[in-house]
Amino acid sequence: MSRKIIFVIVSLILILSIGLPYAMPYLEDLQTDVEETADTLEERKQKSEKTAEQKGLEGTVRKLEASIYQQGTHYLEADGITLALLESSSGINLDRYIGRNIVVYGTPRQTVEGDGVIIDVERVISPNVER
């Protein structure tokens, strides 16, 4: 019985070693496809971030409660859903906009916990003003 197992294992090794050089071009193509897909995903992410900067995000500003992550001072909500955390390194006083519906423009990035977005607010306008 053990000779049969050894024979099968040796046979498989020989078959694989003979067929592997023929499979290499296909494996290289597969690797290239994976790399191209990764590049495409990164490009989409950058495009999405750029769109958020250009179009702005509309909602009502609320004061953010204390958080263990210590990210953001306010948040933007619409229809009871938190759209993004807000902070301003450019000196905009977000307290002036608490309870008001506004459009914020700025640089979005992922939060520390990774499941949200935080925007460094660079500009605030009223949604009634033409964008």
N, C-alpha and C. Protein backbone atom coordinates (compact mmCIF):
# COMPACT_ATOMS: atom_id res chain seq x y z
N MET A 1 0.82 -1.19 0.00
CA MET A 1 0.00 0.00 0.00
C MET A 1 0.86 1.25 0.00
N SER A 2 1.89 1.28 0.77
CA SER A 2 2.74 2.46 0.84
C SER A 2 3.49 2.68 -0.49
N ARG A 3 3.75 1.57 -1.24
CA ARG A 3 4.40 1.74 -2.54
C ARG A 3 3.47 2.42 -3.53
N LYS A 4 2.17 2.14 -3.43
CA LYS A 4 1.21 2.79 -4.31
C LYS A 4 1.16 4.30 -4.03
N ILE A 5 1.19 4.66 -2.76
CA ILE A 5 1.14 6.07 -2.37
C ILE A 5 2.39 6.78 -2.87
N ILE A 6 3.53 6.16 -2.69
CA ILE A 6 4.79 6.75 -3.15
C ILE A 6 4.77 6.90 -4.66
N PHE A 7 4.26 5.87 -5.37
CA PHE A 7 4.19 5.93 -6.83
C PHE A 7 3.29 7.08 -7.28
N VAL A 8 2.15 7.25 -6.62
CA VAL A 8 1.22 8.33 -6.98
C VAL A 8 1.87 9.69 -6.72
N ILE A 9 2.53 9.85 -5.61
CA ILE A 9 3.17 11.12 -5.27
C ILE A 9 4.27 11.44 -6.26
N VAL A 10 5.11 10.48 -6.56
CA VAL A 10 6.21 10.70 -7.52
C VAL A 10 5.63 11.03 -8.90
N SER A 11 4.58 10.32 -9.29
CA SER A 11 3.95 10.58 -10.59
C SER A 11 3.40 12.00 -10.65
N LEU A 12 2.75 12.44 -9.60
CA LEU A 12 2.21 13.80 -9.56
C LEU A 12 3.33 14.85 -9.64
N ILE A 13 4.41 14.59 -8.95
CA ILE A 13 5.54 15.53 -8.97
C ILE A 13 6.10 15.62 -10.39
N LEU A 14 6.26 14.49 -11.06
CA LEU A 14 6.77 14.49 -12.43
C LEU A 14 5.82 15.21 -13.38
N ILE A 15 4.55 14.94 -13.26
CA ILE A 15 3.57 15.58 -14.14
C ILE A 15 3.56 17.09 -13.93
N LEU A 16 3.59 17.50 -12.68
CA LEU A 16 3.58 18.93 -12.38
C LEU A 16 4.87 19.61 -12.85
N SER A 17 5.99 18.96 -12.66
CA SER A 17 7.26 19.58 -13.07
C SER A 17 7.37 19.68 -14.58
N ILE A 18 6.76 18.75 -15.30
CA ILE A 18 6.78 18.81 -16.76
C ILE A 18 5.81 19.89 -17.26
N GLY A 19 4.66 20.01 -16.64
CA GLY A 19 3.64 20.95 -17.09
C GLY A 19 3.83 22.37 -16.61
N LEU A 20 4.61 22.59 -15.55
CA LEU A 20 4.78 23.93 -14.99
C LEU A 20 5.38 24.93 -15.97
N PRO A 21 6.44 24.59 -16.73
CA PRO A 21 6.98 25.57 -17.67
C PRO A 21 5.95 26.03 -18.71
N TYR A 22 5.03 25.15 -19.08
CA TYR A 22 3.99 25.53 -20.04
C TYR A 22 2.94 26.43 -19.40
N ALA A 23 2.77 26.32 -18.11
CA ALA A 23 1.77 27.12 -17.40
C ALA A 23 2.29 28.49 -16.99
N MET A 24 3.60 28.68 -16.98
CA MET A 24 4.19 29.94 -16.50
C MET A 24 3.67 31.18 -17.23
N PRO A 25 3.55 31.17 -18.58
CA PRO A 25 3.03 32.38 -19.23
C PRO A 25 1.62 32.75 -18.74
N TYR A 26 0.80 31.76 -18.48
CA TYR A 26 -0.55 32.02 -17.98
C TYR A 26 -0.51 32.58 -16.56
N LEU A 27 0.40 32.04 -15.74
CA LEU A 27 0.54 32.54 -14.38
C LEU A 27 1.05 33.98 -14.37
N GLU A 28 1.97 34.31 -15.28
CA GLU A 28 2.49 35.67 -15.38
C GLU A 28 1.39 36.62 -15.82
N ASP A 29 0.54 36.19 -16.77
CA ASP A 29 -0.59 37.02 -17.21
C ASP A 29 -1.54 37.27 -16.06
N LEU A 30 -1.78 36.24 -15.25
CA LEU A 30 -2.68 36.37 -14.11
C LEU A 30 -2.13 37.39 -13.11
N GLN A 31 -0.82 37.33 -12.88
CA GLN A 31 -0.19 38.26 -11.95
C GLN A 31 -0.31 39.69 -12.49
N THR A 32 -0.10 39.88 -13.79
CA THR A 32 -0.23 41.20 -14.40
C THR A 32 -1.66 41.72 -14.25
N ASP A 33 -2.65 40.84 -14.47
CA ASP A 33 -4.05 41.24 -14.31
C ASP A 33 -4.33 41.70 -12.88
N VAL A 34 -3.79 40.99 -11.90
CA VAL A 34 -3.99 41.35 -10.50
C VAL A 34 -3.36 42.72 -10.21
N GLU A 35 -2.16 42.95 -10.73
CA GLU A 35 -1.48 44.23 -10.51
C GLU A 35 -2.26 45.37 -11.18
N GLU A 36 -2.77 45.15 -12.39
CA GLU A 36 -3.54 46.17 -13.08
C GLU A 36 -4.84 46.48 -12.33
N THR A 37 -5.47 45.46 -11.77
CA THR A 37 -6.69 45.67 -11.00
C THR A 37 -6.40 46.51 -9.77
N ALA A 38 -5.29 46.24 -9.09
CA ALA A 38 -4.91 47.02 -7.91
C ALA A 38 -4.68 48.48 -8.30
N ASP A 39 -4.02 48.72 -9.44
CA ASP A 39 -3.81 50.09 -9.91
C ASP A 39 -5.14 50.77 -10.19
N THR A 40 -6.06 50.06 -10.82
CA THR A 40 -7.37 50.63 -11.15
C THR A 40 -8.13 50.99 -9.88
N LEU A 41 -8.08 50.14 -8.85
CA LEU A 41 -8.77 50.44 -7.60
C LEU A 41 -8.20 51.69 -6.95
N GLU A 42 -6.88 51.84 -6.97
CA GLU A 42 -6.23 53.02 -6.39
C GLU A 42 -6.64 54.27 -7.16
N GLU A 43 -6.70 54.17 -8.49
CA GLU A 43 -7.11 55.31 -9.31
C GLU A 43 -8.55 55.71 -8.99
N ARG A 44 -9.43 54.72 -8.81
CA ARG A 44 -10.82 55.01 -8.48
C ARG A 44 -10.93 55.72 -7.14
N LYS A 45 -10.14 55.27 -6.16
CA LYS A 45 -10.16 55.88 -4.84
C LYS A 45 -9.72 57.34 -4.92
N GLN A 46 -8.64 57.60 -5.68
CA GLN A 46 -8.16 58.97 -5.83
C GLN A 46 -9.19 59.84 -6.54
N LYS A 47 -9.84 59.29 -7.56
CA LYS A 47 -10.86 60.04 -8.29
C LYS A 47 -12.04 60.36 -7.38
N SER A 48 -12.43 59.40 -6.53
CA SER A 48 -13.54 59.61 -5.61
C SER A 48 -13.21 60.71 -4.62
N GLU A 49 -11.99 60.71 -4.10
CA GLU A 49 -11.58 61.74 -3.16
C GLU A 49 -11.57 63.10 -3.83
N LYS A 50 -11.08 63.15 -5.07
CA LYS A 50 -11.04 64.41 -5.80
C LYS A 50 -12.46 64.93 -6.05
N THR A 51 -13.39 64.03 -6.37
CA THR A 51 -14.78 64.42 -6.59
C THR A 51 -15.36 65.02 -5.32
N ALA A 52 -15.09 64.41 -4.18
CA ALA A 52 -15.60 64.92 -2.90
C ALA A 52 -15.06 66.32 -2.64
N GLU A 53 -13.80 66.55 -3.00
CA GLU A 53 -13.22 67.88 -2.80
C GLU A 53 -13.89 68.90 -3.70
N GLN A 54 -14.20 68.51 -4.94
CA GLN A 54 -14.73 69.45 -5.92
C GLN A 54 -16.22 69.71 -5.74
N LYS A 55 -17.01 68.70 -5.44
CA LYS A 55 -18.46 68.84 -5.39
C LYS A 55 -18.96 69.24 -4.00
N GLY A 56 -18.23 68.93 -2.98
CA GLY A 56 -18.68 69.26 -1.63
C GLY A 56 -19.67 68.23 -1.10
N LEU A 57 -19.97 68.36 0.17
CA LEU A 57 -20.88 67.44 0.84
C LEU A 57 -21.87 68.27 1.64
N GLU A 58 -23.16 68.00 1.44
CA GLU A 58 -24.21 68.80 2.07
C GLU A 58 -24.84 68.07 3.24
N GLY A 59 -25.09 68.81 4.30
CA GLY A 59 -25.75 68.23 5.46
C GLY A 59 -25.81 69.25 6.59
N THR A 60 -26.28 68.79 7.75
CA THR A 60 -26.41 69.63 8.93
C THR A 60 -25.23 69.36 9.87
N VAL A 61 -24.61 70.43 10.34
CA VAL A 61 -23.45 70.30 11.23
C VAL A 61 -23.93 70.04 12.65
N ARG A 62 -23.31 69.07 13.29
CA ARG A 62 -23.58 68.74 14.70
C ARG A 62 -22.25 68.70 15.45
N LYS A 63 -22.31 69.02 16.74
CA LYS A 63 -21.11 68.94 17.59
C LYS A 63 -20.81 67.48 17.90
N LEU A 64 -19.57 67.09 17.80
CA LEU A 64 -19.16 65.70 18.04
C LEU A 64 -18.86 65.51 19.52
N GLU A 65 -19.40 64.45 20.10
CA GLU A 65 -19.10 64.11 21.48
C GLU A 65 -17.67 63.57 21.58
N ALA A 66 -17.15 63.48 22.77
CA ALA A 66 -15.79 62.97 22.98
C ALA A 66 -15.67 61.55 22.43
N SER A 67 -14.53 61.25 21.84
CA SER A 67 -14.30 59.94 21.24
C SER A 67 -12.91 59.44 21.63
N ILE A 68 -12.77 58.14 21.75
CA ILE A 68 -11.44 57.59 22.09
C ILE A 68 -10.47 57.78 20.93
N TYR A 69 -11.00 57.97 19.72
CA TYR A 69 -10.12 58.16 18.56
C TYR A 69 -9.67 59.61 18.42
N GLN A 70 -10.36 60.54 19.07
CA GLN A 70 -10.02 61.96 19.06
C GLN A 70 -9.86 62.50 17.65
N GLN A 71 -10.80 62.14 16.77
CA GLN A 71 -10.77 62.65 15.41
C GLN A 71 -11.99 63.50 15.17
N GLY A 72 -11.78 64.68 14.64
CA GLY A 72 -12.88 65.56 14.30
C GLY A 72 -13.42 66.29 15.51
N THR A 73 -14.06 67.42 15.22
CA THR A 73 -14.70 68.22 16.26
C THR A 73 -16.21 68.27 16.06
N HIS A 74 -16.64 68.00 14.83
CA HIS A 74 -18.05 68.06 14.45
C HIS A 74 -18.33 66.92 13.49
N TYR A 75 -19.61 66.75 13.15
CA TYR A 75 -19.96 65.80 12.10
C TYR A 75 -21.07 66.37 11.25
N LEU A 76 -21.17 65.85 10.05
CA LEU A 76 -22.18 66.28 9.09
C LEU A 76 -23.20 65.18 8.96
N GLU A 77 -24.50 65.52 9.10
CA GLU A 77 -25.53 64.50 9.00
C GLU A 77 -26.62 64.95 8.03
N ALA A 78 -27.26 63.96 7.45
CA ALA A 78 -28.41 64.20 6.58
C ALA A 78 -29.41 63.08 6.82
N ASP A 79 -30.65 63.44 7.07
CA ASP A 79 -31.71 62.46 7.34
C ASP A 79 -31.35 61.50 8.47
N GLY A 80 -30.69 62.04 9.50
CA GLY A 80 -30.33 61.23 10.67
C GLY A 80 -29.14 60.31 10.47
N ILE A 81 -28.48 60.40 9.32
CA ILE A 81 -27.32 59.54 9.03
C ILE A 81 -26.06 60.39 9.04
N THR A 82 -25.03 59.93 9.75
CA THR A 82 -23.76 60.63 9.76
C THR A 82 -23.05 60.41 8.44
N LEU A 83 -22.77 61.51 7.74
CA LEU A 83 -22.08 61.43 6.45
C LEU A 83 -20.57 61.44 6.60
N ALA A 84 -20.08 62.30 7.50
CA ALA A 84 -18.63 62.41 7.67
C ALA A 84 -18.31 63.15 8.96
N LEU A 85 -17.15 62.87 9.50
CA LEU A 85 -16.63 63.67 10.61
C LEU A 85 -16.00 64.91 10.00
N LEU A 86 -15.96 65.99 10.76
CA LEU A 86 -15.40 67.24 10.26
C LEU A 86 -14.32 67.76 11.19
N GLU A 87 -13.32 68.38 10.62
CA GLU A 87 -12.31 69.12 11.37
C GLU A 87 -11.86 70.25 10.46
N SER A 88 -11.20 71.24 11.02
CA SER A 88 -10.72 72.33 10.19
C SER A 88 -9.36 72.79 10.66
N SER A 89 -8.36 72.52 9.84
CA SER A 89 -7.02 72.98 10.14
C SER A 89 -6.77 74.35 9.52
N SER A 90 -7.75 74.84 8.72
CA SER A 90 -7.59 76.12 8.04
C SER A 90 -8.15 77.29 8.85
N GLY A 91 -8.64 77.02 10.06
CA GLY A 91 -9.12 78.08 10.93
C GLY A 91 -10.61 78.37 10.84
N ILE A 92 -11.36 77.59 10.08
CA ILE A 92 -12.81 77.79 10.00
C ILE A 92 -13.43 77.36 11.33
N ASN A 93 -14.24 78.23 11.93
CA ASN A 93 -14.90 77.94 13.19
C ASN A 93 -16.19 77.18 12.90
N LEU A 94 -16.14 75.86 13.01
CA LEU A 94 -17.31 75.03 12.70
C LEU A 94 -18.44 75.21 13.70
N ASP A 95 -18.15 75.74 14.89
CA ASP A 95 -19.21 76.00 15.88
C ASP A 95 -20.23 77.00 15.34
N ARG A 96 -19.82 77.89 14.45
CA ARG A 96 -20.74 78.88 13.86
C ARG A 96 -21.84 78.22 13.04
N TYR A 97 -21.61 76.98 12.60
CA TYR A 97 -22.54 76.31 11.68
C TYR A 97 -23.37 75.21 12.34
N ILE A 98 -23.23 75.03 13.65
CA ILE A 98 -23.98 73.97 14.34
C ILE A 98 -25.48 74.16 14.12
N GLY A 99 -26.14 73.09 13.69
CA GLY A 99 -27.58 73.13 13.44
C GLY A 99 -27.97 73.69 12.09
N ARG A 100 -27.00 74.16 11.33
CA ARG A 100 -27.29 74.75 10.01
C ARG A 100 -26.99 73.75 8.90
N ASN A 101 -27.78 73.85 7.84
CA ASN A 101 -27.56 73.03 6.66
C ASN A 101 -26.55 73.76 5.76
N ILE A 102 -25.42 73.13 5.50
CA ILE A 102 -24.35 73.75 4.71
C ILE A 102 -23.75 72.75 3.74
N VAL A 103 -22.87 73.24 2.88
CA VAL A 103 -22.07 72.40 2.00
C VAL A 103 -20.61 72.62 2.39
N VAL A 104 -19.91 71.53 2.70
CA VAL A 104 -18.50 71.64 3.06
C VAL A 104 -17.63 71.12 1.92
N TYR A 105 -16.51 71.79 1.76
CA TYR A 105 -15.50 71.38 0.78
C TYR A 105 -14.21 71.16 1.55
N GLY A 106 -13.47 70.15 1.17
CA GLY A 106 -12.21 69.90 1.84
C GLY A 106 -11.60 68.59 1.40
N THR A 107 -10.59 68.21 2.13
CA THR A 107 -9.85 67.00 1.80
C THR A 107 -10.35 65.83 2.65
N PRO A 108 -10.97 64.83 2.01
CA PRO A 108 -11.45 63.66 2.76
C PRO A 108 -10.34 62.63 2.95
N ARG A 109 -10.43 61.91 4.06
CA ARG A 109 -9.53 60.77 4.29
C ARG A 109 -10.27 59.77 5.19
N GLN A 110 -9.71 58.58 5.28
CA GLN A 110 -10.33 57.55 6.10
C GLN A 110 -10.06 57.81 7.58
N THR A 111 -11.02 57.46 8.42
CA THR A 111 -10.82 57.62 9.86
C THR A 111 -9.90 56.52 10.37
N VAL A 112 -9.42 56.69 11.59
CA VAL A 112 -8.50 55.72 12.19
C VAL A 112 -9.09 54.32 12.21
N GLU A 113 -10.37 54.23 12.61
CA GLU A 113 -11.00 52.91 12.68
C GLU A 113 -11.33 52.38 11.29
N GLY A 114 -11.20 53.23 10.26
CA GLY A 114 -11.29 52.76 8.88
C GLY A 114 -12.67 52.61 8.30
N ASP A 115 -13.73 52.84 9.09
CA ASP A 115 -15.06 52.63 8.55
C ASP A 115 -15.80 53.94 8.29
N GLY A 116 -15.09 55.04 8.36
CA GLY A 116 -15.72 56.33 8.15
C GLY A 116 -14.81 57.28 7.39
N VAL A 117 -15.32 58.47 7.16
CA VAL A 117 -14.58 59.50 6.44
C VAL A 117 -14.50 60.74 7.32
N ILE A 118 -13.34 61.37 7.30
CA ILE A 118 -13.17 62.65 7.99
C ILE A 118 -12.73 63.66 6.94
N ILE A 119 -13.34 64.83 6.99
CA ILE A 119 -13.03 65.87 6.02
C ILE A 119 -12.36 67.03 6.73
N ASP A 120 -11.20 67.43 6.22
CA ASP A 120 -10.54 68.64 6.71
C ASP A 120 -11.18 69.80 5.93
N VAL A 121 -12.10 70.50 6.59
CA VAL A 121 -12.91 71.52 5.92
C VAL A 121 -12.06 72.73 5.54
N GLU A 122 -12.14 73.08 4.25
CA GLU A 122 -11.39 74.22 3.74
C GLU A 122 -12.31 75.37 3.31
N ARG A 123 -13.60 75.02 3.06
CA ARG A 123 -14.56 76.03 2.61
C ARG A 123 -15.96 75.58 2.99
N VAL A 124 -16.80 76.55 3.37
CA VAL A 124 -18.19 76.28 3.74
C VAL A 124 -19.07 77.27 2.97
N ILE A 125 -20.17 76.74 2.37
CA ILE A 125 -21.12 77.63 1.71
C ILE A 125 -22.55 77.19 2.06
N SER A 126 -23.48 78.08 1.82
CA SER A 126 -24.89 77.77 1.98
C SER A 126 -25.33 76.94 0.78
N PRO A 127 -26.18 75.92 0.95
CA PRO A 127 -26.58 75.11 -0.21
C PRO A 127 -27.40 75.88 -1.23
N ASN A 128 -27.92 77.05 -0.86
CA ASN A 128 -28.71 77.86 -1.78
C ASN A 128 -27.82 78.64 -2.75
N VAL A 129 -26.53 78.76 -2.42
CA VAL A 129 -25.59 79.47 -3.29
C VAL A 129 -25.17 78.53 -4.41
N GLU A 130 -25.13 79.03 -5.64
CA GLU A 130 -24.75 78.17 -6.77
C GLU A 130 -23.33 77.69 -6.60
N ARG A 131 -23.16 76.37 -6.80
CA ARG A 131 -21.83 75.78 -6.64
C ARG A 131 -21.12 75.86 -7.95
